[in-house]
Amino acid sequence: RRQRQMCIRDRFLIVAIFSYRGGVVMPKIDNTCTEYPNMTQVLDQMLYSKRKMQNKSQTILANLMGRSRNCIQQIECHEHMPTFLTILDLSLALELSDKEFSDLMLALLKAFREDLRLQDEREVWCEAR
């Protein structure tokens, strides 16, 4: 079986699943929680929970966005960080008010700044070793 080669953007993404191969469980440790824990938390609290509160399935949300259900699943399982356009699509599909959208954008900006600070600290720590 040929393994999929990892593209450049994948190296910073979290894959929070375990692969079962030949009797050995192999965790994939790169995921959005690792690189962008604060942004992941904001998305969980402000978008993914909104879908559940509205009782929309991943399939219904994906259809509203013109995306696949797998796209929604990968984002909600922290396999991929959504792009800005995907966040816009999610916001429209979830019918966020202007205030909710504004709050989301400000929270994501604050979280992104904090994640960059954490990444810088991690790099300094790794270089010191």
N, C-alpha and C. Protein backbone atom coordinates (compact mmCIF):
# COMPACT_ATOMS: atom_id res chain seq x y z
N ARG A 1 0.85 -1.18 0.00
CA ARG A 1 0.00 0.00 0.00
C ARG A 1 0.89 1.24 0.00
N ARG A 2 0.65 2.12 -0.92
CA ARG A 2 1.45 3.34 -1.03
C ARG A 2 0.98 4.37 -0.02
N GLN A 3 1.91 4.93 0.73
CA GLN A 3 1.54 5.95 1.71
C GLN A 3 1.45 7.31 1.04
N ARG A 4 0.51 8.11 1.50
CA ARG A 4 0.34 9.47 0.99
C ARG A 4 1.51 10.31 1.46
N GLN A 5 2.10 11.06 0.55
CA GLN A 5 3.17 11.96 0.94
C GLN A 5 2.58 13.20 1.59
N MET A 6 3.24 13.68 2.60
CA MET A 6 2.75 14.84 3.34
C MET A 6 3.10 16.11 2.59
N CYS A 7 2.09 16.95 2.35
CA CYS A 7 2.37 18.22 1.70
C CYS A 7 2.91 19.21 2.74
N ILE A 8 3.44 20.32 2.28
CA ILE A 8 4.10 21.28 3.15
C ILE A 8 3.16 21.78 4.24
N ARG A 9 1.91 22.10 3.91
CA ARG A 9 1.01 22.66 4.93
C ARG A 9 0.65 21.62 5.98
N ASP A 10 0.72 20.32 5.65
CA ASP A 10 0.34 19.28 6.60
C ASP A 10 1.30 19.16 7.78
N ARG A 11 2.52 19.60 7.62
CA ARG A 11 3.48 19.38 8.70
C ARG A 11 3.14 20.19 9.94
N PHE A 12 2.30 21.22 9.83
CA PHE A 12 1.91 22.01 10.98
C PHE A 12 0.50 21.66 11.48
N LEU A 13 -0.12 20.69 10.88
CA LEU A 13 -1.49 20.37 11.23
C LEU A 13 -1.56 19.18 12.18
N ILE A 14 -2.63 19.17 12.96
CA ILE A 14 -2.81 18.09 13.91
C ILE A 14 -3.65 17.00 13.31
N VAL A 15 -3.17 15.79 13.44
CA VAL A 15 -3.97 14.66 13.05
C VAL A 15 -4.20 13.87 14.32
N ALA A 16 -5.38 14.05 14.89
CA ALA A 16 -5.67 13.46 16.19
C ALA A 16 -6.32 12.10 16.05
N ILE A 17 -5.77 11.28 15.17
CA ILE A 17 -6.29 9.94 15.00
C ILE A 17 -5.14 8.96 15.17
N PHE A 18 -5.48 7.75 15.38
CA PHE A 18 -4.48 6.71 15.47
C PHE A 18 -4.67 5.76 14.30
N SER A 19 -3.55 5.37 13.68
CA SER A 19 -3.59 4.44 12.56
C SER A 19 -3.23 3.06 13.06
N TYR A 20 -3.98 2.08 12.62
CA TYR A 20 -3.67 0.71 13.01
C TYR A 20 -3.02 0.03 11.81
N ARG A 21 -1.76 -0.35 11.97
CA ARG A 21 -1.01 -0.97 10.88
C ARG A 21 -0.20 -2.14 11.43
N GLY A 22 -0.45 -3.31 10.92
CA GLY A 22 0.36 -4.48 11.28
C GLY A 22 0.44 -4.76 12.77
N GLY A 23 -0.64 -4.51 13.49
CA GLY A 23 -0.66 -4.80 14.92
C GLY A 23 -0.04 -3.72 15.78
N VAL A 24 0.43 -2.63 15.18
CA VAL A 24 1.07 -1.57 15.94
C VAL A 24 0.22 -0.31 15.82
N VAL A 25 -0.08 0.33 16.94
CA VAL A 25 -0.81 1.58 16.92
C VAL A 25 0.21 2.70 16.82
N MET A 26 0.07 3.53 15.78
CA MET A 26 1.04 4.59 15.52
C MET A 26 0.33 5.93 15.61
N PRO A 27 0.55 6.70 16.70
CA PRO A 27 -0.11 8.01 16.80
C PRO A 27 0.54 9.02 15.85
N LYS A 28 -0.27 9.88 15.27
CA LYS A 28 0.24 10.99 14.47
C LYS A 28 0.17 12.22 15.36
N ILE A 29 1.33 12.81 15.67
CA ILE A 29 1.37 13.83 16.71
C ILE A 29 1.21 15.26 16.23
N ASP A 30 1.34 15.52 14.94
CA ASP A 30 1.18 16.90 14.45
C ASP A 30 -0.30 17.19 14.29
N ASN A 31 -0.80 18.19 15.02
CA ASN A 31 -2.20 18.54 14.89
C ASN A 31 -2.40 20.01 15.26
N THR A 32 -3.62 20.51 15.05
CA THR A 32 -3.88 21.93 15.30
C THR A 32 -3.79 22.26 16.78
N CYS A 33 -4.07 21.28 17.64
CA CYS A 33 -3.99 21.51 19.09
C CYS A 33 -2.55 21.77 19.52
N THR A 34 -1.60 21.17 18.81
CA THR A 34 -0.19 21.32 19.15
C THR A 34 0.34 22.68 18.70
N GLU A 35 0.08 23.04 17.46
CA GLU A 35 0.63 24.27 16.90
C GLU A 35 -0.22 25.50 17.22
N TYR A 36 -1.52 25.34 17.27
CA TYR A 36 -2.43 26.47 17.48
C TYR A 36 -3.47 26.13 18.55
N PRO A 37 -3.04 25.87 19.78
CA PRO A 37 -3.99 25.45 20.81
C PRO A 37 -5.06 26.50 21.14
N ASN A 38 -4.67 27.77 21.15
CA ASN A 38 -5.63 28.82 21.48
C ASN A 38 -6.64 29.04 20.36
N MET A 39 -6.19 29.02 19.11
CA MET A 39 -7.11 29.17 17.99
C MET A 39 -8.06 27.98 17.92
N THR A 40 -7.54 26.79 18.17
CA THR A 40 -8.38 25.58 18.17
C THR A 40 -9.46 25.69 19.22
N GLN A 41 -9.10 26.20 20.39
CA GLN A 41 -10.07 26.35 21.47
C GLN A 41 -11.16 27.38 21.10
N VAL A 42 -10.76 28.49 20.49
CA VAL A 42 -11.74 29.50 20.07
C VAL A 42 -12.71 28.91 19.04
N LEU A 43 -12.17 28.19 18.07
CA LEU A 43 -13.03 27.58 17.05
C LEU A 43 -13.99 26.57 17.68
N ASP A 44 -13.49 25.78 18.63
CA ASP A 44 -14.35 24.82 19.33
C ASP A 44 -15.49 25.54 20.04
N GLN A 45 -15.16 26.59 20.77
CA GLN A 45 -16.14 27.29 21.60
C GLN A 45 -17.12 28.12 20.78
N MET A 46 -16.65 28.71 19.69
CA MET A 46 -17.50 29.69 19.00
C MET A 46 -18.13 29.19 17.71
N LEU A 47 -17.57 28.14 17.10
CA LEU A 47 -18.15 27.65 15.85
C LEU A 47 -18.70 26.23 15.99
N TYR A 48 -17.85 25.30 16.43
CA TYR A 48 -18.29 23.90 16.46
C TYR A 48 -19.43 23.70 17.44
N SER A 49 -19.38 24.38 18.57
CA SER A 49 -20.45 24.26 19.55
C SER A 49 -21.75 24.87 19.00
N LYS A 50 -21.62 25.91 18.17
CA LYS A 50 -22.79 26.56 17.55
C LYS A 50 -23.52 25.56 16.65
N ARG A 51 -22.77 24.76 15.89
CA ARG A 51 -23.38 23.75 15.02
C ARG A 51 -24.18 22.76 15.85
N LYS A 52 -23.61 22.33 16.96
CA LYS A 52 -24.28 21.36 17.82
C LYS A 52 -25.52 21.97 18.47
N MET A 53 -25.43 23.24 18.87
CA MET A 53 -26.59 23.91 19.48
C MET A 53 -27.73 24.05 18.47
N GLN A 54 -27.38 24.21 17.20
CA GLN A 54 -28.40 24.33 16.16
C GLN A 54 -28.90 22.97 15.67
N ASN A 55 -28.35 21.90 16.24
CA ASN A 55 -28.71 20.53 15.85
C ASN A 55 -28.51 20.28 14.35
N LYS A 56 -27.45 20.86 13.80
CA LYS A 56 -27.12 20.62 12.40
C LYS A 56 -26.06 19.53 12.35
N SER A 57 -26.27 18.57 11.48
CA SER A 57 -25.27 17.52 11.32
C SER A 57 -24.11 18.07 10.50
N GLN A 58 -23.00 17.36 10.52
CA GLN A 58 -21.85 17.77 9.70
C GLN A 58 -22.24 17.74 8.23
N THR A 59 -23.06 16.79 7.83
CA THR A 59 -23.50 16.68 6.43
C THR A 59 -24.33 17.88 6.01
N ILE A 60 -25.28 18.28 6.86
CA ILE A 60 -26.12 19.45 6.55
C ILE A 60 -25.26 20.70 6.45
N LEU A 61 -24.36 20.88 7.41
CA LEU A 61 -23.49 22.05 7.38
C LEU A 61 -22.62 22.05 6.13
N ALA A 62 -22.06 20.89 5.80
CA ALA A 62 -21.22 20.78 4.60
C ALA A 62 -22.02 21.14 3.34
N ASN A 63 -23.25 20.66 3.26
CA ASN A 63 -24.09 20.99 2.09
C ASN A 63 -24.38 22.48 2.01
N LEU A 64 -24.62 23.12 3.14
CA LEU A 64 -24.87 24.57 3.16
C LEU A 64 -23.64 25.34 2.68
N MET A 65 -22.46 24.79 2.96
CA MET A 65 -21.21 25.45 2.60
C MET A 65 -20.71 25.07 1.20
N GLY A 66 -21.28 24.01 0.64
CA GLY A 66 -20.78 23.51 -0.63
C GLY A 66 -19.48 22.73 -0.47
N ARG A 67 -19.32 22.11 0.68
CA ARG A 67 -18.12 21.32 0.98
C ARG A 67 -18.54 19.88 1.28
N SER A 68 -17.55 19.02 1.49
CA SER A 68 -17.85 17.64 1.85
C SER A 68 -17.97 17.52 3.37
N ARG A 69 -18.68 16.49 3.81
CA ARG A 69 -18.80 16.23 5.24
C ARG A 69 -17.42 15.94 5.82
N ASN A 70 -16.58 15.30 5.03
CA ASN A 70 -15.22 14.97 5.47
C ASN A 70 -14.44 16.24 5.80
N CYS A 71 -14.67 17.31 5.07
CA CYS A 71 -14.02 18.61 5.34
C CYS A 71 -14.38 19.09 6.74
N ILE A 72 -15.67 19.04 7.07
CA ILE A 72 -16.13 19.47 8.40
C ILE A 72 -15.55 18.57 9.48
N GLN A 73 -15.56 17.28 9.23
CA GLN A 73 -15.04 16.31 10.20
C GLN A 73 -13.56 16.56 10.48
N GLN A 74 -12.78 16.81 9.45
CA GLN A 74 -11.35 17.03 9.63
C GLN A 74 -11.07 18.31 10.42
N ILE A 75 -11.88 19.32 10.21
CA ILE A 75 -11.72 20.56 10.96
C ILE A 75 -12.11 20.35 12.42
N GLU A 76 -13.26 19.71 12.66
CA GLU A 76 -13.74 19.53 14.03
C GLU A 76 -12.91 18.53 14.83
N CYS A 77 -12.23 17.62 14.14
CA CYS A 77 -11.34 16.67 14.83
C CYS A 77 -9.91 17.19 14.91
N HIS A 78 -9.74 18.45 14.53
CA HIS A 78 -8.45 19.15 14.64
C HIS A 78 -7.37 18.57 13.73
N GLU A 79 -7.78 17.99 12.60
CA GLU A 79 -6.82 17.51 11.62
C GLU A 79 -6.30 18.65 10.76
N HIS A 80 -7.15 19.65 10.53
CA HIS A 80 -6.78 20.79 9.69
C HIS A 80 -7.29 22.08 10.32
N MET A 81 -6.49 23.12 10.20
CA MET A 81 -6.93 24.45 10.61
C MET A 81 -7.69 25.04 9.42
N PRO A 82 -8.92 25.49 9.62
CA PRO A 82 -9.68 26.03 8.48
C PRO A 82 -9.05 27.31 7.95
N THR A 83 -9.17 27.51 6.64
CA THR A 83 -8.69 28.75 6.04
C THR A 83 -9.67 29.87 6.39
N PHE A 84 -9.27 31.09 6.09
CA PHE A 84 -10.14 32.24 6.35
C PHE A 84 -11.45 32.10 5.57
N LEU A 85 -11.36 31.69 4.31
CA LEU A 85 -12.57 31.52 3.50
C LEU A 85 -13.48 30.45 4.07
N THR A 86 -12.91 29.39 4.60
CA THR A 86 -13.72 28.34 5.22
C THR A 86 -14.41 28.87 6.47
N ILE A 87 -13.70 29.69 7.24
CA ILE A 87 -14.31 30.31 8.43
C ILE A 87 -15.47 31.21 8.01
N LEU A 88 -15.30 31.95 6.91
CA LEU A 88 -16.39 32.78 6.40
C LEU A 88 -17.58 31.91 5.98
N ASP A 89 -17.31 30.81 5.27
CA ASP A 89 -18.37 29.89 4.86
C ASP A 89 -19.10 29.30 6.08
N LEU A 90 -18.31 28.90 7.09
CA LEU A 90 -18.90 28.37 8.32
C LEU A 90 -19.79 29.41 8.99
N SER A 91 -19.31 30.64 9.04
CA SER A 91 -20.06 31.72 9.68
C SER A 91 -21.39 31.97 8.98
N LEU A 92 -21.38 31.94 7.65
CA LEU A 92 -22.62 32.14 6.89
C LEU A 92 -23.57 30.96 7.08
N ALA A 93 -23.02 29.75 7.00
CA ALA A 93 -23.85 28.55 7.12
C ALA A 93 -24.48 28.44 8.52
N LEU A 94 -23.75 28.92 9.53
CA LEU A 94 -24.26 28.88 10.90
C LEU A 94 -25.08 30.13 11.24
N GLU A 95 -25.19 31.03 10.27
CA GLU A 95 -25.99 32.26 10.42
C GLU A 95 -25.55 33.09 11.63
N LEU A 96 -24.24 33.30 11.75
CA LEU A 96 -23.73 34.13 12.84
C LEU A 96 -24.20 35.56 12.64
N SER A 97 -24.56 36.20 13.73
CA SER A 97 -24.91 37.62 13.67
C SER A 97 -23.63 38.43 13.44
N ASP A 98 -23.78 39.70 13.10
CA ASP A 98 -22.61 40.56 12.92
C ASP A 98 -21.78 40.61 14.20
N LYS A 99 -22.43 40.68 15.34
CA LYS A 99 -21.73 40.73 16.63
C LYS A 99 -20.99 39.42 16.89
N GLU A 100 -21.64 38.29 16.63
CA GLU A 100 -20.99 36.98 16.83
C GLU A 100 -19.77 36.85 15.92
N PHE A 101 -19.92 37.29 14.66
CA PHE A 101 -18.80 37.21 13.72
C PHE A 101 -17.65 38.11 14.16
N SER A 102 -17.98 39.33 14.57
CA SER A 102 -16.96 40.26 15.05
C SER A 102 -16.24 39.70 16.28
N ASP A 103 -17.00 39.15 17.21
CA ASP A 103 -16.41 38.53 18.41
C ASP A 103 -15.50 37.37 18.03
N LEU A 104 -15.93 36.57 17.05
CA LEU A 104 -15.12 35.44 16.59
C LEU A 104 -13.80 35.92 16.01
N MET A 105 -13.85 36.93 15.14
CA MET A 105 -12.63 37.42 14.50
C MET A 105 -11.66 38.01 15.53
N LEU A 106 -12.18 38.78 16.48
CA LEU A 106 -11.31 39.35 17.52
C LEU A 106 -10.71 38.25 18.40
N ALA A 107 -11.51 37.26 18.74
CA ALA A 107 -11.00 36.15 19.57
C ALA A 107 -9.95 35.35 18.82
N LEU A 108 -10.15 35.14 17.51
CA LEU A 108 -9.16 34.41 16.72
C LEU A 108 -7.86 35.20 16.60
N LEU A 109 -7.95 36.51 16.42
CA LEU A 109 -6.74 37.33 16.34
C LEU A 109 -5.95 37.26 17.65
N LYS A 110 -6.64 37.40 18.77
CA LYS A 110 -5.99 37.32 20.08
C LYS A 110 -5.36 35.94 20.27
N ALA A 111 -6.09 34.90 19.91
CA ALA A 111 -5.59 33.53 20.05
C ALA A 111 -4.37 33.29 19.16
N PHE A 112 -4.41 33.83 17.93
CA PHE A 112 -3.30 33.67 17.00
C PHE A 112 -2.03 34.32 17.55
N ARG A 113 -2.17 35.51 18.11
CA ARG A 113 -1.01 36.19 18.72
C ARG A 113 -0.43 35.35 19.85
N GLU A 114 -1.29 34.78 20.68
CA GLU A 114 -0.82 33.94 21.79
C GLU A 114 -0.15 32.67 21.27
N ASP A 115 -0.70 32.08 20.22
CA ASP A 115 -0.09 30.87 19.64
C ASP A 115 1.27 31.17 19.04
N LEU A 116 1.42 32.32 18.40
CA LEU A 116 2.73 32.70 17.87
C LEU A 116 3.75 32.87 18.99
N ARG A 117 3.30 33.46 20.10
CA ARG A 117 4.18 33.62 21.25
C ARG A 117 4.61 32.25 21.77
N LEU A 118 3.68 31.32 21.87
CA LEU A 118 4.00 29.97 22.34
C LEU A 118 4.97 29.27 21.39
N GLN A 119 4.75 29.45 20.09
CA GLN A 119 5.65 28.83 19.11
C GLN A 119 7.06 29.40 19.21
N ASP A 120 7.17 30.72 19.43
CA ASP A 120 8.48 31.34 19.61
C ASP A 120 9.18 30.79 20.84
N GLU A 121 8.43 30.65 21.94
CA GLU A 121 9.00 30.09 23.17
C GLU A 121 9.48 28.66 22.94
N ARG A 122 8.71 27.89 22.21
CA ARG A 122 9.05 26.50 21.93
C ARG A 122 10.33 26.43 21.10
N GLU A 123 10.47 27.33 20.10
CA GLU A 123 11.67 27.36 19.28
C GLU A 123 12.89 27.72 20.11
N VAL A 124 12.77 28.71 20.99
CA VAL A 124 13.88 29.10 21.85
C VAL A 124 14.28 27.94 22.75
N TRP A 125 13.29 27.26 23.30
CA TRP A 125 13.57 26.12 24.18
C TRP A 125 14.28 25.01 23.41
N CYS A 126 13.82 24.73 22.16
CA CYS A 126 14.44 23.67 21.36
C CYS A 126 15.86 24.03 20.96
N GLU A 127 16.11 25.30 20.65
CA GLU A 127 17.44 25.75 20.28
C GLU A 127 18.40 25.66 21.47
N ALA A 128 17.89 25.86 22.67
CA ALA A 128 18.74 25.82 23.87
C ALA A 128 19.15 24.39 24.21
N ARG A 129 18.42 23.44 23.73
CA ARG A 129 18.74 22.03 24.02
C ARG A 129 19.83 21.62 23.14
